[in-house]
Amino acid sequence: MLLFFHHVPYGHVLRSGSTVIQHIYDTHFAGVERVAQTRLLWEEIGTAGLVASSLHARVQERLDEQLRCAEEWRDQINAYFFRKSGVADEHGRHIP
């Protein structure tokens, strides 16, 4: 909302100390990481035999798809804002 309604510049520093553009990058990379971590935890649950194998397989398929979608969303959003701003990620992460 800051960008679209208030026209805050990409370099504007938020209360967190991060710039607007860096916040966009960071949150989308973090989202993918959260899904990847959840996927790993689910794999451990399956390996431990805590749920039925059919249930584990169905949930695993959905987590795989969620990870694929999160990566695609991260890449689409970050690429859009990178092209608009011309500001690279300060952590050196690849933005397609």
N, C-alpha and C. Protein backbone atom coordinates (compact mmCIF):
# COMPACT_ATOMS: atom_id res chain seq x y z
N MET A 1 0.83 -1.18 0.00
CA MET A 1 0.00 0.00 0.00
C MET A 1 0.87 1.25 0.00
N LEU A 2 2.01 1.16 0.69
CA LEU A 2 2.90 2.32 0.70
C LEU A 2 3.31 2.72 -0.70
N LEU A 3 3.64 1.72 -1.52
CA LEU A 3 4.11 2.02 -2.87
C LEU A 3 3.01 2.55 -3.77
N PHE A 4 1.86 1.92 -3.72
CA PHE A 4 0.82 2.24 -4.70
C PHE A 4 -0.05 3.43 -4.32
N PHE A 5 -0.27 3.64 -3.04
CA PHE A 5 -1.16 4.72 -2.63
C PHE A 5 -0.42 5.94 -2.12
N HIS A 6 0.74 5.73 -1.55
CA HIS A 6 1.48 6.85 -0.95
C HIS A 6 2.74 7.21 -1.72
N HIS A 7 3.07 6.42 -2.73
CA HIS A 7 4.23 6.69 -3.59
C HIS A 7 5.52 6.88 -2.78
N VAL A 8 5.74 5.98 -1.85
CA VAL A 8 6.96 6.00 -1.05
C VAL A 8 8.08 5.46 -1.93
N PRO A 9 9.24 6.09 -1.92
CA PRO A 9 10.35 5.60 -2.76
C PRO A 9 10.88 4.25 -2.27
N TYR A 10 11.46 3.50 -3.19
CA TYR A 10 11.99 2.18 -2.86
C TYR A 10 13.08 2.25 -1.79
N GLY A 11 13.78 3.34 -1.72
CA GLY A 11 14.85 3.50 -0.73
C GLY A 11 14.37 3.98 0.63
N HIS A 12 13.08 4.20 0.78
CA HIS A 12 12.52 4.66 2.06
C HIS A 12 12.83 3.62 3.14
N VAL A 13 13.34 4.06 4.28
CA VAL A 13 13.68 3.15 5.37
C VAL A 13 12.46 2.96 6.27
N LEU A 14 12.09 1.71 6.47
CA LEU A 14 10.96 1.35 7.32
C LEU A 14 11.39 1.30 8.78
N ARG A 15 10.44 1.16 9.68
CA ARG A 15 10.75 1.08 11.11
C ARG A 15 11.70 -0.06 11.43
N SER A 16 11.63 -1.11 10.63
CA SER A 16 12.49 -2.28 10.85
C SER A 16 13.96 -1.98 10.53
N GLY A 17 14.21 -0.86 9.84
CA GLY A 17 15.55 -0.51 9.43
C GLY A 17 15.87 -0.95 8.01
N SER A 18 14.95 -1.68 7.41
CA SER A 18 15.12 -2.16 6.04
C SER A 18 14.45 -1.18 5.09
N THR A 19 14.97 -1.11 3.87
CA THR A 19 14.33 -0.27 2.87
C THR A 19 13.08 -0.99 2.34
N VAL A 20 12.22 -0.24 1.69
CA VAL A 20 11.00 -0.82 1.12
C VAL A 20 11.35 -1.94 0.15
N ILE A 21 12.28 -1.70 -0.75
CA ILE A 21 12.62 -2.71 -1.75
C ILE A 21 13.25 -3.94 -1.11
N GLN A 22 14.10 -3.73 -0.11
CA GLN A 22 14.73 -4.87 0.55
C GLN A 22 13.70 -5.68 1.33
N HIS A 23 12.72 -5.01 1.90
CA HIS A 23 11.63 -5.70 2.60
C HIS A 23 10.88 -6.61 1.63
N ILE A 24 10.61 -6.11 0.45
CA ILE A 24 9.92 -6.92 -0.57
C ILE A 24 10.75 -8.15 -0.89
N TYR A 25 12.03 -7.96 -1.17
CA TYR A 25 12.90 -9.09 -1.48
C TYR A 25 12.95 -10.08 -0.31
N ASP A 26 13.23 -9.56 0.88
CA ASP A 26 13.42 -10.42 2.06
C ASP A 26 12.18 -11.25 2.37
N THR A 27 11.01 -10.65 2.32
CA THR A 27 9.80 -11.38 2.69
C THR A 27 9.48 -12.49 1.69
N HIS A 28 9.78 -12.26 0.42
CA HIS A 28 9.49 -13.30 -0.56
C HIS A 28 10.52 -14.44 -0.51
N PHE A 29 11.77 -14.13 -0.22
CA PHE A 29 12.75 -15.19 -0.02
C PHE A 29 12.42 -15.96 1.26
N ALA A 30 12.00 -15.26 2.30
CA ALA A 30 11.66 -15.91 3.57
C ALA A 30 10.46 -16.83 3.41
N GLY A 31 9.49 -16.45 2.60
CA GLY A 31 8.33 -17.29 2.37
C GLY A 31 8.71 -18.64 1.78
N VAL A 32 9.61 -18.62 0.82
CA VAL A 32 10.07 -19.87 0.22
C VAL A 32 10.80 -20.72 1.26
N GLU A 33 11.61 -20.07 2.08
CA GLU A 33 12.34 -20.80 3.12
C GLU A 33 11.39 -21.46 4.11
N ARG A 34 10.32 -20.76 4.48
CA ARG A 34 9.35 -21.34 5.41
C ARG A 34 8.69 -22.59 4.84
N VAL A 35 8.34 -22.53 3.58
CA VAL A 35 7.72 -23.71 2.94
C VAL A 35 8.74 -24.85 2.88
N ALA A 36 9.97 -24.55 2.54
CA ALA A 36 11.01 -25.58 2.46
C ALA A 36 11.23 -26.23 3.83
N GLN A 37 11.22 -25.42 4.89
CA GLN A 37 11.39 -25.96 6.24
C GLN A 37 10.22 -26.85 6.64
N THR A 38 9.02 -26.42 6.30
CA THR A 38 7.83 -27.22 6.60
C THR A 38 7.89 -28.55 5.88
N ARG A 39 8.34 -28.51 4.63
CA ARG A 39 8.48 -29.73 3.83
C ARG A 39 9.47 -30.70 4.49
N LEU A 40 10.59 -30.18 4.97
CA LEU A 40 11.58 -31.03 5.64
C LEU A 40 11.01 -31.65 6.91
N LEU A 41 10.28 -30.86 7.68
CA LEU A 41 9.66 -31.39 8.89
C LEU A 41 8.67 -32.50 8.56
N TRP A 42 7.91 -32.32 7.50
CA TRP A 42 6.95 -33.34 7.09
C TRP A 42 7.67 -34.61 6.65
N GLU A 43 8.80 -34.47 5.99
CA GLU A 43 9.58 -35.65 5.60
C GLU A 43 10.03 -36.42 6.84
N GLU A 44 10.44 -35.69 7.88
CA GLU A 44 10.86 -36.34 9.13
C GLU A 44 9.70 -37.09 9.77
N ILE A 45 8.52 -36.50 9.74
CA ILE A 45 7.34 -37.15 10.31
C ILE A 45 7.05 -38.44 9.55
N GLY A 46 7.18 -38.39 8.23
CA GLY A 46 6.95 -39.59 7.42
C GLY A 46 7.97 -40.67 7.69
N THR A 47 9.23 -40.27 7.84
CA THR A 47 10.30 -41.22 8.11
C THR A 47 10.11 -41.88 9.47
N ALA A 48 9.59 -41.12 10.42
CA ALA A 48 9.36 -41.66 11.76
C ALA A 48 8.13 -42.55 11.83
N GLY A 49 7.34 -42.56 10.75
CA GLY A 49 6.16 -43.43 10.73
C GLY A 49 5.03 -42.94 11.62
N LEU A 50 4.94 -41.64 11.83
CA LEU A 50 3.92 -41.08 12.72
C LEU A 50 2.56 -40.90 12.07
N VAL A 51 2.50 -41.00 10.75
CA VAL A 51 1.23 -40.90 10.03
C VAL A 51 1.18 -42.01 8.98
N ALA A 52 -0.02 -42.30 8.54
CA ALA A 52 -0.19 -43.32 7.51
C ALA A 52 0.56 -42.90 6.24
N SER A 53 1.13 -43.88 5.57
CA SER A 53 1.94 -43.57 4.39
C SER A 53 1.12 -42.91 3.28
N SER A 54 -0.16 -43.29 3.13
CA SER A 54 -0.99 -42.67 2.10
C SER A 54 -1.24 -41.19 2.42
N LEU A 55 -1.48 -40.89 3.68
CA LEU A 55 -1.66 -39.49 4.10
C LEU A 55 -0.37 -38.71 3.90
N HIS A 56 0.72 -39.32 4.30
CA HIS A 56 2.01 -38.64 4.15
C HIS A 56 2.28 -38.30 2.69
N ALA A 57 2.02 -39.24 1.81
CA ALA A 57 2.27 -39.02 0.37
C ALA A 57 1.39 -37.89 -0.18
N ARG A 58 0.13 -37.85 0.21
CA ARG A 58 -0.77 -36.79 -0.28
C ARG A 58 -0.31 -35.42 0.20
N VAL A 59 0.03 -35.32 1.47
CA VAL A 59 0.48 -34.04 2.00
C VAL A 59 1.82 -33.65 1.38
N GLN A 60 2.70 -34.62 1.18
CA GLN A 60 3.99 -34.34 0.56
C GLN A 60 3.81 -33.77 -0.84
N GLU A 61 2.89 -34.32 -1.60
CA GLU A 61 2.61 -33.80 -2.94
C GLU A 61 2.15 -32.35 -2.87
N ARG A 62 1.30 -32.06 -1.92
CA ARG A 62 0.80 -30.69 -1.78
C ARG A 62 1.89 -29.73 -1.33
N LEU A 63 2.76 -30.18 -0.45
CA LEU A 63 3.87 -29.33 -0.03
C LEU A 63 4.86 -29.10 -1.17
N ASP A 64 5.06 -30.13 -2.00
CA ASP A 64 5.92 -29.96 -3.17
C ASP A 64 5.36 -28.88 -4.09
N GLU A 65 4.05 -28.93 -4.31
CA GLU A 65 3.40 -27.94 -5.17
C GLU A 65 3.44 -26.55 -4.52
N GLN A 66 3.25 -26.50 -3.21
CA GLN A 66 3.31 -25.21 -2.52
C GLN A 66 4.70 -24.60 -2.65
N LEU A 67 5.74 -25.42 -2.54
CA LEU A 67 7.10 -24.92 -2.69
C LEU A 67 7.33 -24.41 -4.12
N ARG A 68 6.86 -25.17 -5.10
CA ARG A 68 7.01 -24.73 -6.49
C ARG A 68 6.32 -23.38 -6.71
N CYS A 69 5.12 -23.24 -6.18
CA CYS A 69 4.37 -21.99 -6.34
C CYS A 69 5.03 -20.85 -5.59
N ALA A 70 5.55 -21.11 -4.39
CA ALA A 70 6.22 -20.07 -3.61
C ALA A 70 7.47 -19.57 -4.33
N GLU A 71 8.21 -20.49 -4.94
CA GLU A 71 9.40 -20.10 -5.70
C GLU A 71 9.02 -19.27 -6.91
N GLU A 72 7.96 -19.70 -7.60
CA GLU A 72 7.51 -18.95 -8.77
C GLU A 72 7.04 -17.56 -8.37
N TRP A 73 6.26 -17.45 -7.30
CA TRP A 73 5.76 -16.17 -6.83
C TRP A 73 6.92 -15.25 -6.42
N ARG A 74 7.87 -15.81 -5.65
CA ARG A 74 9.06 -15.05 -5.25
C ARG A 74 9.77 -14.49 -6.47
N ASP A 75 9.99 -15.33 -7.46
CA ASP A 75 10.72 -14.90 -8.65
C ASP A 75 9.94 -13.85 -9.44
N GLN A 76 8.64 -14.03 -9.57
CA GLN A 76 7.83 -13.08 -10.33
C GLN A 76 7.79 -11.71 -9.64
N ILE A 77 7.51 -11.70 -8.34
CA ILE A 77 7.41 -10.44 -7.61
C ILE A 77 8.76 -9.75 -7.53
N ASN A 78 9.79 -10.49 -7.14
CA ASN A 78 11.10 -9.86 -7.01
C ASN A 78 11.62 -9.35 -8.35
N ALA A 79 11.40 -10.11 -9.43
CA ALA A 79 11.84 -9.66 -10.76
C ALA A 79 11.10 -8.38 -11.16
N TYR A 80 9.80 -8.34 -10.88
CA TYR A 80 9.01 -7.15 -11.22
C TYR A 80 9.58 -5.92 -10.51
N PHE A 81 9.79 -6.03 -9.20
CA PHE A 81 10.27 -4.87 -8.45
C PHE A 81 11.73 -4.55 -8.75
N PHE A 82 12.52 -5.57 -9.09
CA PHE A 82 13.90 -5.31 -9.49
C PHE A 82 13.93 -4.50 -10.79
N ARG A 83 13.09 -4.90 -11.76
CA ARG A 83 13.04 -4.15 -13.02
C ARG A 83 12.53 -2.73 -12.81
N LYS A 84 11.55 -2.57 -11.92
CA LYS A 84 11.00 -1.23 -11.66
C LYS A 84 11.99 -0.34 -10.92
N SER A 85 12.72 -0.91 -9.96
CA SER A 85 13.57 -0.10 -9.10
C SER A 85 15.02 -0.03 -9.56
N GLY A 86 15.52 -1.11 -10.18
CA GLY A 86 16.92 -1.17 -10.55
C GLY A 86 17.84 -1.41 -9.35
N VAL A 87 17.25 -1.72 -8.19
CA VAL A 87 18.02 -1.92 -6.96
C VAL A 87 18.22 -3.42 -6.75
N ALA A 88 19.48 -3.83 -6.64
CA ALA A 88 19.79 -5.24 -6.43
C ALA A 88 19.55 -5.62 -4.97
N ASP A 89 19.40 -6.91 -4.74
CA ASP A 89 19.25 -7.43 -3.38
C ASP A 89 20.55 -7.21 -2.62
N GLU A 90 20.45 -6.62 -1.44
CA GLU A 90 21.68 -6.32 -0.68
C GLU A 90 22.37 -7.58 -0.16
N HIS A 91 21.69 -8.72 -0.19
CA HIS A 91 22.29 -9.98 0.25
C HIS A 91 22.88 -10.76 -0.92
N GLY A 92 22.78 -10.21 -2.12
CA GLY A 92 23.38 -10.83 -3.29
C GLY A 92 22.62 -12.04 -3.82
N ARG A 93 21.37 -12.21 -3.39
CA ARG A 93 20.59 -13.34 -3.89
C ARG A 93 20.20 -13.08 -5.33
N HIS A 94 20.08 -14.15 -6.08
CA HIS A 94 19.74 -14.05 -7.51
C HIS A 94 18.27 -13.66 -7.68
N ILE A 95 18.04 -12.64 -8.47
CA ILE A 95 16.69 -12.24 -8.85
C ILE A 95 16.63 -12.35 -10.37
N PRO A 96 15.77 -13.27 -10.85
CA PRO A 96 15.75 -13.50 -12.32
C PRO A 96 15.26 -12.30 -13.12
